[in-house]
């Protein structure tokens, strides 16, 4: 599966790495591509192992907001 997350609060490359790292730590996440310019994060994942809600919590735990 693939999904795109709209993440608010990313302002620099550190933010980009924090979001990417948090998502990559989740079991079932296969790939993460963060676009700082558009505040969008494309995630490829195995829906049997991880949910979008899990991804949202991981990003929010880093201090960023996901807009649904």
N, C-alpha and C. Protein backbone atom coordinates (compact mmCIF):
# COMPACT_ATOMS: atom_id res chain seq x y z
N UNK A 1 0.84 -1.18 0.00
CA UNK A 1 0.00 0.00 0.00
C UNK A 1 0.88 1.24 0.00
N UNK A 2 0.29 2.32 -0.48
CA UNK A 2 0.95 3.63 -0.43
C UNK A 2 -0.02 4.65 0.11
N UNK A 3 0.50 5.60 0.85
CA UNK A 3 -0.31 6.70 1.34
C UNK A 3 0.55 7.96 1.36
N UNK A 4 -0.12 9.10 1.32
CA UNK A 4 0.57 10.39 1.43
C UNK A 4 0.04 11.09 2.67
N UNK A 5 0.96 11.48 3.54
CA UNK A 5 0.62 12.20 4.77
C UNK A 5 0.92 13.67 4.58
N UNK A 6 0.01 14.53 5.02
CA UNK A 6 0.21 15.97 4.98
C UNK A 6 0.68 16.38 6.38
N UNK A 7 1.96 16.68 6.51
CA UNK A 7 2.57 16.93 7.82
C UNK A 7 2.82 18.43 7.99
N UNK A 8 2.33 18.98 9.07
CA UNK A 8 2.52 20.39 9.40
C UNK A 8 3.61 20.53 10.45
N UNK A 9 4.41 21.58 10.33
CA UNK A 9 5.41 21.90 11.33
C UNK A 9 6.83 21.60 10.91
N UNK A 10 7.02 20.96 9.76
CA UNK A 10 8.38 20.70 9.28
C UNK A 10 8.94 21.97 8.66
N UNK A 11 10.12 22.39 9.14
CA UNK A 11 10.69 23.63 8.63
C UNK A 11 12.13 23.50 8.15
N UNK A 12 12.76 22.36 8.43
CA UNK A 12 14.18 22.22 8.08
C UNK A 12 14.54 20.76 7.84
N UNK A 13 15.79 20.52 7.47
CA UNK A 13 16.22 19.15 7.18
C UNK A 13 16.20 18.28 8.44
N UNK A 14 16.39 18.88 9.61
CA UNK A 14 16.30 18.11 10.85
C UNK A 14 14.88 17.58 11.03
N UNK A 15 13.89 18.43 10.76
CA UNK A 15 12.49 18.01 10.84
C UNK A 15 12.22 16.86 9.87
N UNK A 16 12.75 17.01 8.69
CA UNK A 16 12.59 16.00 7.65
C UNK A 16 13.15 14.65 8.13
N UNK A 17 14.34 14.67 8.70
CA UNK A 17 14.97 13.44 9.19
C UNK A 17 14.22 12.85 10.38
N UNK A 18 13.68 13.71 11.24
CA UNK A 18 12.94 13.22 12.41
C UNK A 18 11.68 12.47 11.98
N UNK A 19 10.96 13.04 11.02
CA UNK A 19 9.73 12.41 10.53
C UNK A 19 10.08 11.11 9.80
N UNK A 20 11.07 11.17 8.95
CA UNK A 20 11.48 9.99 8.19
C UNK A 20 11.92 8.87 9.13
N UNK A 21 12.72 9.20 10.11
CA UNK A 21 13.21 8.21 11.06
C UNK A 21 12.11 7.58 11.89
N UNK A 22 11.17 8.40 12.34
CA UNK A 22 10.06 7.88 13.14
C UNK A 22 9.22 6.89 12.34
N UNK A 23 9.00 7.19 11.08
CA UNK A 23 8.20 6.30 10.25
C UNK A 23 8.98 5.03 9.90
N UNK A 24 10.25 5.16 9.61
CA UNK A 24 11.06 4.00 9.24
C UNK A 24 11.21 3.00 10.39
N UNK A 25 11.07 3.47 11.62
CA UNK A 25 11.17 2.58 12.78
C UNK A 25 9.95 1.68 12.92
N UNK A 26 8.84 2.03 12.28
CA UNK A 26 7.64 1.23 12.40
C UNK A 26 7.77 -0.05 11.58
N UNK A 27 7.45 -1.17 12.23
CA UNK A 27 7.47 -2.44 11.51
C UNK A 27 6.39 -2.43 10.44
N UNK A 28 6.76 -2.77 9.24
CA UNK A 28 5.80 -2.78 8.14
C UNK A 28 5.96 -1.61 7.19
N UNK A 29 6.72 -0.59 7.60
CA UNK A 29 6.98 0.54 6.69
C UNK A 29 8.13 0.13 5.78
N UNK A 30 7.88 0.20 4.49
CA UNK A 30 8.84 -0.25 3.49
C UNK A 30 9.68 0.91 2.95
N UNK A 31 9.04 2.05 2.74
CA UNK A 31 9.75 3.20 2.21
C UNK A 31 9.11 4.51 2.63
N UNK A 32 9.94 5.54 2.79
CA UNK A 32 9.47 6.87 3.20
C UNK A 32 10.16 7.90 2.33
N UNK A 33 9.38 8.82 1.76
CA UNK A 33 9.95 9.92 0.99
C UNK A 33 9.32 11.22 1.49
N UNK A 34 10.15 12.05 2.09
CA UNK A 34 9.68 13.32 2.67
C UNK A 34 9.97 14.45 1.70
N UNK A 35 8.96 15.28 1.43
CA UNK A 35 9.13 16.47 0.60
C UNK A 35 8.90 17.68 1.48
N UNK A 36 9.98 18.30 1.90
CA UNK A 36 9.90 19.45 2.81
C UNK A 36 9.17 20.62 2.17
N UNK A 37 9.34 20.80 0.87
CA UNK A 37 8.71 21.93 0.17
C UNK A 37 7.20 21.87 0.15
N UNK A 38 6.64 20.65 0.09
CA UNK A 38 5.18 20.51 0.03
C UNK A 38 4.59 20.02 1.34
N UNK A 39 5.45 19.71 2.31
CA UNK A 39 5.01 19.16 3.60
C UNK A 39 4.28 17.84 3.44
N UNK A 40 4.65 17.09 2.42
CA UNK A 40 4.01 15.79 2.18
C UNK A 40 5.03 14.67 2.36
N UNK A 41 4.52 13.57 2.89
CA UNK A 41 5.36 12.40 3.11
C UNK A 41 4.67 11.20 2.44
N UNK A 42 5.35 10.61 1.48
CA UNK A 42 4.84 9.42 0.81
C UNK A 42 5.39 8.20 1.54
N UNK A 43 4.48 7.31 1.92
CA UNK A 43 4.87 6.12 2.67
C UNK A 43 4.37 4.88 1.94
N UNK A 44 5.29 3.94 1.74
CA UNK A 44 4.93 2.62 1.22
C UNK A 44 4.98 1.67 2.41
N UNK A 45 3.93 0.87 2.57
CA UNK A 45 3.85 0.03 3.77
C UNK A 45 3.05 -1.24 3.54
N UNK A 46 3.20 -2.16 4.48
CA UNK A 46 2.46 -3.40 4.49
C UNK A 46 1.27 -3.21 5.44
N UNK A 47 0.08 -3.15 4.88
CA UNK A 47 -1.10 -2.86 5.69
C UNK A 47 -1.42 -3.96 6.71
N UNK A 48 -0.81 -5.12 6.57
CA UNK A 48 -1.00 -6.20 7.53
C UNK A 48 -0.18 -5.95 8.80
N UNK A 49 0.81 -5.05 8.72
CA UNK A 49 1.70 -4.83 9.85
C UNK A 49 1.57 -3.44 10.49
N UNK A 50 1.14 -2.46 9.73
CA UNK A 50 1.10 -1.09 10.25
C UNK A 50 -0.10 -0.36 9.64
N UNK A 51 -0.66 0.55 10.42
CA UNK A 51 -1.81 1.33 9.95
C UNK A 51 -1.43 2.80 9.81
N UNK A 52 -2.27 3.54 9.11
CA UNK A 52 -2.05 4.98 8.98
C UNK A 52 -2.13 5.63 10.35
N UNK A 53 -2.97 5.11 11.23
CA UNK A 53 -3.07 5.64 12.59
C UNK A 53 -1.74 5.47 13.34
N UNK A 54 -1.08 4.33 13.13
CA UNK A 54 0.25 4.10 13.74
C UNK A 54 1.24 5.14 13.23
N UNK A 55 1.18 5.42 11.93
CA UNK A 55 2.07 6.42 11.33
C UNK A 55 1.80 7.80 11.90
N UNK A 56 0.52 8.12 12.03
CA UNK A 56 0.13 9.42 12.57
C UNK A 56 0.68 9.59 13.99
N UNK A 57 0.54 8.56 14.82
CA UNK A 57 1.04 8.64 16.19
C UNK A 57 2.56 8.83 16.20
N UNK A 58 3.28 8.09 15.34
CA UNK A 58 4.74 8.19 15.30
C UNK A 58 5.18 9.61 14.93
N UNK A 59 4.50 10.22 13.96
CA UNK A 59 4.83 11.58 13.53
C UNK A 59 4.47 12.58 14.62
N UNK A 60 3.30 12.42 15.22
CA UNK A 60 2.87 13.35 16.27
C UNK A 60 3.76 13.24 17.51
N UNK A 61 4.26 12.05 17.78
CA UNK A 61 5.19 11.88 18.91
C UNK A 61 6.49 12.65 18.70
N UNK A 62 6.81 12.99 17.46
CA UNK A 62 7.99 13.80 17.14
C UNK A 62 7.68 15.29 17.23
N UNK A 63 6.41 15.65 17.46
CA UNK A 63 6.04 17.06 17.62
C UNK A 63 5.44 17.69 16.39
N UNK A 64 5.05 16.89 15.40
CA UNK A 64 4.46 17.41 14.17
C UNK A 64 3.00 17.02 14.09
N UNK A 65 2.27 17.69 13.25
CA UNK A 65 0.83 17.44 13.12
C UNK A 65 0.54 16.88 11.73
N UNK A 66 -0.36 15.90 11.69
CA UNK A 66 -0.81 15.36 10.42
C UNK A 66 -2.20 15.93 10.16
N UNK A 67 -2.39 16.49 8.97
CA UNK A 67 -3.67 17.05 8.58
C UNK A 67 -4.37 16.01 7.72
N UNK A 68 -5.55 15.63 8.13
CA UNK A 68 -6.32 14.62 7.38
C UNK A 68 -7.34 15.30 6.50
